[in-house]
Protein backbone atom coordinates (compact mmCIF):
# COMPACT_ATOMS: atom_id res chain seq x y z
CA MET A 1 -58.06 25.17 6.23
CA ALA A 2 -56.15 24.48 9.44
CA ALA A 3 -57.92 27.34 11.24
CA GLU A 4 -61.30 26.01 10.11
CA LEU A 5 -60.41 22.53 11.32
CA GLU A 6 -59.22 23.91 14.65
CA ARG A 7 -62.53 25.74 15.21
CA THR A 8 -64.50 22.64 14.22
CA VAL A 9 -62.56 20.42 16.61
CA GLU A 10 -63.44 22.69 19.53
CA GLY A 11 -67.15 22.21 18.81
CA MET A 12 -66.73 18.50 18.24
CA ASN A 13 -65.04 18.09 21.63
CA VAL A 14 -68.22 19.40 23.22
CA ALA A 15 -70.70 17.50 21.03
CA VAL A 16 -68.96 14.12 20.58
CA PRO A 17 -68.30 11.91 23.61
CA ASP A 18 -64.71 10.93 24.46
CA GLU A 19 -65.42 7.25 23.70
CA ALA A 20 -65.91 8.10 20.01
CA TRP A 21 -62.35 9.51 19.84
CA GLU A 22 -60.64 6.43 21.33
CA PRO A 23 -60.12 4.57 18.00
CA ILE A 24 -58.68 7.72 16.40
CA ALA A 25 -56.23 8.21 19.28
CA GLY A 26 -54.39 5.02 18.29
CA TRP A 27 -53.89 5.99 14.64
CA THR A 28 -50.44 6.48 13.18
CA ALA A 29 -49.51 9.77 11.49
CA GLU A 30 -50.01 8.12 8.07
CA GLU A 31 -53.51 6.94 8.97
CA MET A 32 -54.44 10.34 10.35
CA GLY A 33 -53.06 12.04 7.22
CA ALA A 34 -55.03 9.74 4.91
CA TRP A 35 -58.22 10.40 6.89
CA LEU A 36 -57.69 14.17 6.82
CA ARG A 37 -56.97 14.10 3.07
CA SER A 38 -60.21 12.20 2.45
CA ILE A 39 -62.11 14.85 4.43
CA MET A 40 -60.37 17.73 2.64
CA ARG A 41 -61.27 16.30 -0.79
CA GLN A 42 -64.88 17.07 0.11
CA ALA A 43 -64.15 20.65 1.16
CA ARG A 44 -65.63 23.50 -0.85
CA LEU A 45 -62.52 25.56 -1.50
CA GLU A 46 -64.48 28.49 -2.96
CA ARG A 47 -65.52 29.32 0.61
CA TYR A 48 -61.90 30.13 1.44
CA GLU A 49 -60.93 32.32 -1.52
CA LYS A 50 -59.27 35.62 -0.80
CA ALA A 51 -61.04 38.82 -1.72
CA LYS A 52 -59.93 40.25 -5.04
CA ARG A 53 -58.41 43.73 -4.92
CA GLY A 54 -60.26 46.35 -6.90
CA PRO A 55 -58.60 48.59 -9.48
CA LYS A 56 -56.24 51.25 -8.20
CA LYS A 57 -57.40 54.83 -8.17
CA PRO A 58 -55.63 57.08 -10.68
CA LYS A 59 -52.88 59.30 -9.28
CA PRO A 60 -54.31 62.79 -8.68
CA ARG A 61 -52.97 65.64 -10.78
CA ARG A 62 -50.58 68.01 -9.06
CA THR A 63 -52.37 71.07 -7.74
CA ARG A 64 -49.76 72.59 -5.42
CA PHE A 65 -46.97 74.34 -7.34
CA ALA A 66 -48.50 73.05 -10.58
CA ALA A 67 -47.32 76.08 -12.58
CA LYS A 68 -43.69 75.84 -11.45
CA LYS A 69 -41.32 73.11 -12.47
CA HIS A 70 -38.98 71.71 -9.81
CA VAL A 71 -35.39 72.86 -10.03
CA ALA A 72 -32.66 71.18 -8.01
CA THR A 73 -30.91 73.45 -5.51
CA SER A 74 -27.50 72.21 -6.63
CA ARG A 75 -28.22 73.43 -10.16
CA LEU A 76 -29.24 76.84 -8.88
CA ILE A 77 -26.03 77.11 -6.88
CA SER A 78 -23.87 76.05 -9.81
CA GLY A 79 -25.60 78.59 -12.04
CA GLU A 80 -26.95 76.10 -14.58
CA GLN A 81 -30.49 77.47 -14.33
CA THR A 82 -31.82 80.81 -13.35
């Protein structure tokens, strides 16, 4: 929302004369916050939803060395498996 407001303000600085901003310049932080909240209540939040991630692809079946089972080198050295 802040990024949207920032982009809008840039355009408003060009389109709205400086005299229109003078009353707003004297507002306190509380007044500015109340004004911004009233504007944000009218915002259509569905415009800012994140994209939903699709389902994950299934893990492919092993093709390389598929016939052989992995055997740890330490077991081969100790003679547990042959």
